[in-house]
């Protein structure tokens, strides 16, 4: 697990981990400032930290996983763009209404591969969060994505999507501009695009907002991401009229990567660094990069006709597990 100097934002179940990290950080600072060799004290503490983190993360409840997926330090689409791409040229607008910042689209290059990247964008600071609507896209965001995906198909470019949204924006304006239609059209068109499509749930996979860019030949999910028809809080509010029931709802929704792999909703679970992607973003970005390169190599060797047939077969089998 990578060392981290800035103060860590801890989730409730991470408090013992954070306290031990702070202690280790204080000893390291003391060693650096005084020149004292404190390896004898640091080594056992680091081993204890690794053991404690492994034990805690092995026993996470579904709602704990939801909190990890929402962690403010968890790498977002912008981090993957900066960390794994050699080139990224962003493409804007849907040619109908405007440019929704909650979804980014662009021409990407990663090693020998050129492809179209489509991803939800949440923003990091409050001003950016507001501009990106916390990753809740409007219909123009999904229409922008669809327009660019059709462009990729035309130029025989593979498509990679990064899913990270609580859900599509449900406001009146979005509904008036055809939110449901935009998502439905994306699902329909993506199911038959004549180019390879890889989808990755990197954080939150909420409802139709996720599905709007979530139909592909391979659907991957990071270990501590979640993917669900509704958020646990929304489910609890509808079924029990009580937001405090969110942990119970999370368990019932079967939204973890292990559940969804078993149900064959996702094809592959990408392991995260010990303690989650937010504890070592660089390692997470490198691991996902290697997996995407391998999948682009694999899908590039399959004929377009076979890909479309296999994609249809995959979709027709959903829910049969």
Protein backbone atom coordinates (compact mmCIF):
# COMPACT_ATOMS: atom_id res chain seq x y z
CA UNK A 1 0.00 0.00 0.00
CA UNK A 2 1.44 3.33 -1.06
CA UNK A 3 2.47 5.86 1.59
CA UNK A 4 0.39 9.03 1.63
CA UNK A 5 1.44 12.27 3.31
CA UNK A 6 -1.74 14.35 3.17
CA UNK A 7 -4.49 13.75 5.76
CA UNK A 8 -6.74 10.89 4.73
CA UNK A 9 -10.52 11.11 4.62
CA UNK A 10 -11.72 8.07 6.53
CA UNK A 11 -15.03 6.26 6.31
CA UNK A 12 -16.62 5.17 9.61
CA UNK A 13 -15.35 1.60 9.37
CA UNK A 14 -11.87 2.89 8.40
CA UNK A 15 -11.24 4.76 11.66
CA UNK A 16 -8.79 2.19 13.11
CA UNK A 17 -6.89 2.24 9.79
CA UNK A 18 -6.72 6.03 9.68
CA UNK A 19 -5.58 6.27 13.31
CA UNK A 20 -2.74 3.82 12.66
CA UNK A 21 -1.80 5.62 9.43
CA UNK A 22 -1.56 8.89 11.33
CA UNK A 23 0.69 7.27 13.92
CA UNK A 24 2.94 5.88 11.18
CA UNK A 25 2.97 9.30 9.49
CA UNK A 26 4.05 11.00 12.70
CA UNK A 27 6.92 8.55 13.18
CA UNK A 28 8.04 9.00 9.57
CA UNK A 29 7.99 12.78 9.98
CA UNK A 30 9.99 12.49 13.18
CA UNK A 31 12.52 10.24 11.45
CA UNK A 32 12.89 12.67 8.54
CA UNK A 33 13.22 15.78 10.75
CA UNK A 34 15.67 14.33 13.28
CA UNK A 35 17.57 11.78 11.19
CA UNK A 36 16.68 9.06 13.70
CA UNK A 37 16.38 5.51 12.35
CA UNK A 38 12.91 4.37 13.40
CA UNK A 39 12.63 1.36 11.10
CA UNK A 40 12.41 -0.92 14.11
CA UNK A 41 9.20 0.80 15.19
CA UNK A 42 7.82 1.45 11.70
CA UNK A 43 8.09 -2.03 10.18
CA UNK A 44 5.80 -3.82 12.67
CA UNK A 45 3.30 -0.94 12.52
CA UNK A 46 3.19 -1.14 8.73
CA UNK A 47 2.64 -4.90 8.87
CA UNK A 48 -0.12 -4.36 11.40
CA UNK A 49 -1.68 -1.73 9.13
CA UNK A 50 -1.67 -4.07 6.16
CA UNK A 51 -3.17 -6.91 8.20
CA UNK A 52 -5.82 -4.66 9.72
CA UNK A 53 -6.81 -3.19 6.33
CA UNK A 54 -7.06 -6.65 4.78
CA UNK A 55 -9.24 -7.93 7.64
CA UNK A 56 -11.58 -4.92 7.61
CA UNK A 57 -12.05 -4.92 3.83
CA UNK A 58 -12.67 -8.66 3.80
CA UNK A 59 -15.76 -8.12 5.97
CA UNK A 60 -17.39 -5.15 4.27
CA UNK A 61 -21.18 -5.07 4.21
CA UNK A 62 -22.89 -4.01 0.94
CA UNK A 63 -23.57 -0.50 2.23
CA UNK A 64 -19.90 -0.16 3.21
CA UNK A 65 -19.03 -0.93 -0.41
CA UNK A 66 -21.39 1.85 -1.51
CA UNK A 67 -19.50 4.28 0.74
CA UNK A 68 -16.16 3.17 -0.73
CA UNK A 69 -17.54 3.68 -4.26
CA UNK A 70 -18.47 7.26 -3.26
CA UNK A 71 -15.20 8.08 -1.47
CA UNK A 72 -14.11 11.64 -2.35
CA UNK A 73 -10.52 10.49 -2.98
CA UNK A 74 -11.53 7.64 -5.28
CA UNK A 75 -10.09 8.13 -8.79
CA UNK A 76 -12.59 9.55 -11.26
CA UNK A 77 -12.76 9.60 -15.05
CA UNK A 78 -10.52 12.69 -15.12
CA UNK A 79 -7.85 10.81 -13.13
CA UNK A 80 -7.90 7.88 -15.53
CA UNK A 81 -7.66 10.25 -18.49
CA UNK A 82 -4.63 11.97 -16.96
CA UNK A 83 -2.99 8.77 -15.74
CA UNK A 84 -3.45 6.23 -18.51
CA UNK A 85 -3.88 8.10 -21.79
CA UNK A 86 -1.08 9.36 -24.00
CA UNK A 87 -3.47 11.72 -25.78
CA UNK A 88 -7.03 12.95 -25.25
CA UNK A 89 -8.92 15.40 -27.45
CA UNK A 90 -12.28 16.25 -25.91
CA UNK A 91 -15.33 16.53 -28.17
CA UNK A 92 -18.20 18.76 -27.08
CA UNK A 93 -21.93 19.22 -27.59
CA UNK A 94 -24.95 17.31 -28.85
CA UNK A 95 -25.77 19.69 -31.75
CA UNK A 96 -29.26 20.13 -30.31
CA UNK A 97 -29.18 21.84 -26.94
CA UNK A 98 -25.76 22.21 -25.35
CA UNK A 99 -22.68 20.61 -23.82
CA UNK A 100 -23.40 18.62 -20.67
CA UNK A 101 -20.27 18.58 -18.49
CA UNK A 102 -21.53 15.54 -16.57
CA UNK A 103 -20.35 13.39 -19.49
CA UNK A 104 -17.01 13.78 -21.24
CA UNK A 105 -16.34 12.35 -24.69
CA UNK A 106 -13.11 12.44 -26.63
CA UNK A 107 -10.65 10.80 -28.98
CA UNK A 108 -8.08 8.91 -26.93
CA UNK A 109 -4.76 7.19 -27.50
CA UNK A 110 -3.29 4.64 -25.10
CA UNK A 111 -0.09 2.98 -26.25
CA UNK A 112 -0.84 1.55 -29.71
CA UNK A 113 -4.62 1.82 -29.35
CA UNK A 114 -6.81 4.68 -30.53
CA UNK A 115 -10.41 4.74 -29.33
CA UNK A 116 -13.32 6.92 -28.25
CA UNK A 117 -13.61 7.50 -24.52
CA UNK A 118 -16.98 8.29 -22.95
CA UNK A 119 -17.20 8.82 -19.19
CA UNK A 120 -19.23 10.34 -16.42
CA UNK A 121 -17.56 13.34 -14.82
CA UNK A 122 -18.39 14.31 -11.23
CA UNK A 123 -15.84 17.02 -10.54
CA UNK A 124 -13.49 17.32 -7.59
CA UNK A 125 -14.08 20.72 -5.99
CA UNK A 126 -17.48 22.20 -5.13
CA UNK A 127 -17.51 24.58 -8.11
CA UNK A 128 -16.67 21.74 -10.48
CA UNK A 129 -19.17 19.42 -8.75
CA UNK A 130 -21.91 21.93 -9.46
CA UNK A 131 -20.81 22.45 -13.07
CA UNK A 132 -20.81 18.67 -13.62
CA UNK A 133 -24.02 18.20 -11.62
CA UNK A 134 -22.20 15.56 -9.50
CA UNK A 135 -22.14 13.21 -12.49
CA UNK A 136 -25.92 13.25 -13.03
CA UNK A 137 -26.23 13.73 -16.78
CA UNK A 138 -29.00 15.52 -18.65
CA UNK A 139 -30.41 14.17 -21.93
CA UNK A 140 -27.99 16.33 -23.90
CA UNK A 141 -25.16 14.43 -22.20
CA UNK A 142 -26.47 11.10 -23.44
CA UNK A 143 -27.16 12.56 -26.90
CA UNK A 144 -23.60 13.88 -26.98
CA UNK A 145 -22.32 10.42 -26.09
CA UNK A 146 -24.45 8.80 -28.77
CA UNK A 147 -23.37 11.27 -31.44
CA UNK A 148 -19.70 10.59 -30.68
CA UNK A 149 -20.23 6.81 -30.51
CA UNK A 150 -21.78 6.87 -33.98
CA UNK A 151 -18.72 8.84 -35.12
CA UNK A 152 -16.46 6.16 -33.63
CA UNK A 153 -18.42 3.48 -35.46
CA UNK A 154 -18.01 5.37 -38.73
CA UNK A 155 -14.23 5.55 -38.30
CA UNK A 156 -13.96 1.99 -36.92
CA UNK A 157 -12.71 3.15 -33.52
CA UNK A 158 -13.34 1.01 -30.41
CA UNK A 159 -15.30 2.63 -27.58
CA UNK A 160 -14.42 2.61 -23.87
CA UNK A 161 -16.90 3.96 -21.33
CA UNK A 162 -16.28 4.84 -17.67
CA UNK A 163 -19.45 4.67 -15.56
CA UNK A 164 -19.61 6.70 -12.37
CA UNK A 165 -22.97 8.29 -11.62
CA UNK A 166 -25.63 8.21 -8.89
CA UNK A 167 -28.15 8.27 -11.74
CA UNK A 168 -29.41 10.45 -14.58
CA UNK A 169 -30.67 13.88 -13.55
CA UNK A 170 -34.43 13.60 -12.78
CA UNK A 171 -35.33 17.30 -12.91
CA UNK A 172 -38.25 18.80 -14.79
CA UNK A 173 -36.08 20.33 -17.52
CA UNK A 174 -34.34 17.03 -18.18
CA UNK A 175 -37.67 15.23 -18.45
CA UNK A 176 -39.04 17.91 -20.78
CA UNK A 177 -36.01 17.46 -23.04
CA UNK A 178 -36.53 13.69 -23.26
CA UNK A 179 -34.36 12.08 -20.58
CA UNK A 180 -35.99 8.63 -20.77
CA UNK A 181 -35.97 8.63 -24.56
CA UNK A 182 -32.30 9.64 -24.71
CA UNK A 183 -31.25 6.79 -22.40
CA UNK A 184 -33.44 4.25 -24.19
CA UNK A 185 -32.04 5.29 -27.56
CA UNK A 186 -28.47 4.93 -26.28
CA UNK A 187 -29.18 1.42 -25.01
CA UNK A 188 -30.76 0.44 -28.33
CA UNK A 189 -27.99 1.86 -30.52
CA UNK A 190 -25.11 0.62 -28.34
CA UNK A 191 -26.50 -2.91 -28.53
CA UNK A 192 -25.79 -2.99 -32.27
CA UNK A 193 -22.83 -0.65 -32.79
CA UNK A 194 -20.44 -2.15 -35.33
CA UNK A 195 -17.32 -1.55 -33.29
CA UNK A 196 -15.90 -3.04 -30.06
CA UNK A 197 -17.37 -1.55 -26.86
CA UNK A 198 -15.88 -1.93 -23.37
CA UNK A 199 -17.75 -0.57 -20.33
CA UNK A 200 -16.20 -0.13 -16.89
CA UNK A 201 -18.07 0.74 -13.67
CA UNK A 202 -15.37 2.68 -11.81
CA UNK A 203 -17.48 3.95 -8.90
CA UNK A 204 -21.23 4.39 -8.74
CA UNK A 205 -23.38 2.62 -11.30
CA UNK A 206 -26.78 4.15 -10.70
CA UNK A 207 -29.88 3.10 -12.63
CA UNK A 208 -30.56 4.30 -16.18
CA UNK A 209 -27.86 6.90 -15.79
CA UNK A 210 -25.33 4.07 -15.87
CA UNK A 211 -27.11 2.05 -18.55
CA UNK A 212 -27.08 5.04 -20.90
CA UNK A 213 -23.38 4.37 -21.58
CA UNK A 214 -23.28 0.82 -20.21
CA UNK A 215 -24.04 -1.60 -23.07
CA UNK A 216 -20.95 -3.34 -24.43
CA UNK A 217 -19.11 -6.45 -25.50
CA UNK A 218 -17.35 -6.59 -22.14
CA UNK A 219 -18.70 -5.03 -18.94
CA UNK A 220 -16.12 -4.66 -16.18
CA UNK A 221 -16.57 -3.49 -12.62
CA UNK A 222 -13.99 -2.40 -10.09
CA UNK A 223 -13.95 -4.48 -6.92
CA UNK A 224 -15.49 -1.83 -4.64
CA UNK A 225 -17.79 -0.18 -7.15
CA UNK A 226 -21.53 -0.78 -7.07
CA UNK A 227 -24.11 -1.21 -9.85
CA UNK A 228 -27.81 -1.03 -9.09
CA UNK A 229 -31.25 -0.23 -10.45
CA UNK A 230 -31.58 2.41 -7.72
CA UNK A 231 -29.48 3.87 -4.92
CA UNK A 232 -29.88 2.25 -1.49
CA UNK A 233 -31.24 5.55 -0.14
CA UNK A 234 -33.81 5.79 -2.94
CA UNK A 235 -34.86 2.19 -2.43
CA UNK A 236 -35.25 2.71 1.31
CA UNK A 237 -37.30 5.87 0.78
CA UNK A 238 -39.69 4.07 -1.58
CA UNK A 239 -40.06 0.74 0.24
CA UNK A 240 -39.82 1.78 3.89
CA UNK A 241 -40.28 5.58 3.77
CA UNK A 242 -37.15 5.63 5.91
CA UNK A 243 -33.67 6.63 4.74
CA UNK A 244 -32.12 4.88 7.73
CA UNK A 245 -33.00 1.58 6.03
CA UNK A 246 -30.39 2.22 3.31
CA UNK A 247 -27.97 -0.46 4.62
CA UNK A 248 -30.78 -3.03 4.56
CA UNK A 249 -31.73 -1.93 1.04
CA UNK A 250 -28.12 -2.26 -0.13
CA UNK A 251 -28.06 -5.88 0.98
CA UNK A 252 -31.34 -6.65 -0.78
CA UNK A 253 -30.31 -4.98 -4.05
CA UNK A 254 -27.34 -7.33 -4.68
CA UNK A 255 -25.27 -4.40 -5.93
CA UNK A 256 -21.69 -5.47 -5.15
CA UNK A 257 -19.22 -6.69 -7.76
CA UNK A 258 -19.24 -10.20 -6.28
CA UNK A 259 -23.04 -10.38 -6.51
CA UNK A 260 -23.16 -9.07 -10.07
CA UNK A 261 -20.37 -11.33 -11.29
CA UNK A 262 -22.24 -14.31 -9.86
CA UNK A 263 -25.44 -13.14 -11.54
CA UNK A 264 -23.53 -12.66 -14.83
CA UNK A 265 -24.51 -9.00 -15.08
CA UNK A 266 -20.83 -8.06 -15.33
CA UNK A 267 -18.20 -10.11 -17.11
CA UNK A 268 -15.20 -9.33 -14.95
CA UNK A 269 -14.27 -7.80 -11.61
CA UNK A 270 -11.06 -5.74 -11.62
CA UNK A 271 -9.24 -6.05 -8.27
CA UNK A 272 -8.45 -2.85 -6.39
CA UNK A 273 -5.35 -2.08 -4.30
CA UNK A 274 -5.51 -3.10 -0.66
CA UNK A 275 -8.00 -0.82 1.07
CA UNK A 276 -9.63 0.41 -2.13
CA UNK A 277 -8.67 2.54 -5.13
CA UNK A 278 -8.72 5.71 -3.02
CA UNK A 279 -5.71 4.46 -1.05
CA UNK A 280 -3.49 4.02 -4.12
CA UNK A 281 -4.88 5.75 -7.20
CA UNK A 282 -1.73 5.26 -9.26
CA UNK A 283 -1.78 1.49 -8.78
CA UNK A 284 -5.50 1.34 -9.65
CA UNK A 285 -5.01 3.36 -12.82
CA UNK A 286 -2.09 1.16 -13.88
CA UNK A 287 -4.04 -2.06 -13.26
CA UNK A 288 -7.05 -0.89 -15.23
CA UNK A 289 -4.83 0.33 -18.05
CA UNK A 290 -3.25 -3.12 -18.41
CA UNK A 291 -6.66 -4.78 -18.47
CA UNK A 292 -8.05 -2.37 -21.07
CA UNK A 293 -5.02 -2.82 -23.33
CA UNK A 294 -5.48 -6.60 -23.16
CA UNK A 295 -9.20 -6.34 -23.94
CA UNK A 296 -8.66 -3.96 -26.85
CA UNK A 297 -6.15 -6.46 -28.24
CA UNK A 298 -8.62 -9.31 -27.75
CA UNK A 299 -11.68 -7.60 -29.23
CA UNK A 300 -9.66 -6.20 -32.11
CA UNK A 301 -9.11 -9.76 -33.31
CA UNK A 302 -12.84 -10.55 -33.54
CA UNK A 303 -14.89 -9.69 -36.63
CA UNK A 304 -17.50 -6.96 -36.25
CA UNK A 305 -20.30 -9.33 -37.22
CA UNK A 306 -19.28 -11.81 -34.54
CA UNK A 307 -19.01 -9.04 -31.95
CA UNK A 308 -22.52 -7.78 -32.64
CA UNK A 309 -23.94 -11.33 -32.53
CA UNK A 310 -22.14 -12.08 -29.26
CA UNK A 311 -23.29 -8.78 -27.77
CA UNK A 312 -26.90 -9.59 -28.61
CA UNK A 313 -26.51 -13.06 -27.14
CA UNK A 314 -25.01 -11.60 -23.96
CA UNK A 315 -27.92 -9.19 -23.58
CA UNK A 316 -30.51 -11.89 -24.20
CA UNK A 317 -29.00 -14.02 -21.42
CA UNK A 318 -29.17 -11.33 -18.73
CA UNK A 319 -31.34 -12.40 -15.85
CA UNK A 320 -31.13 -16.11 -16.68
CA UNK A 321 -28.61 -16.90 -13.93
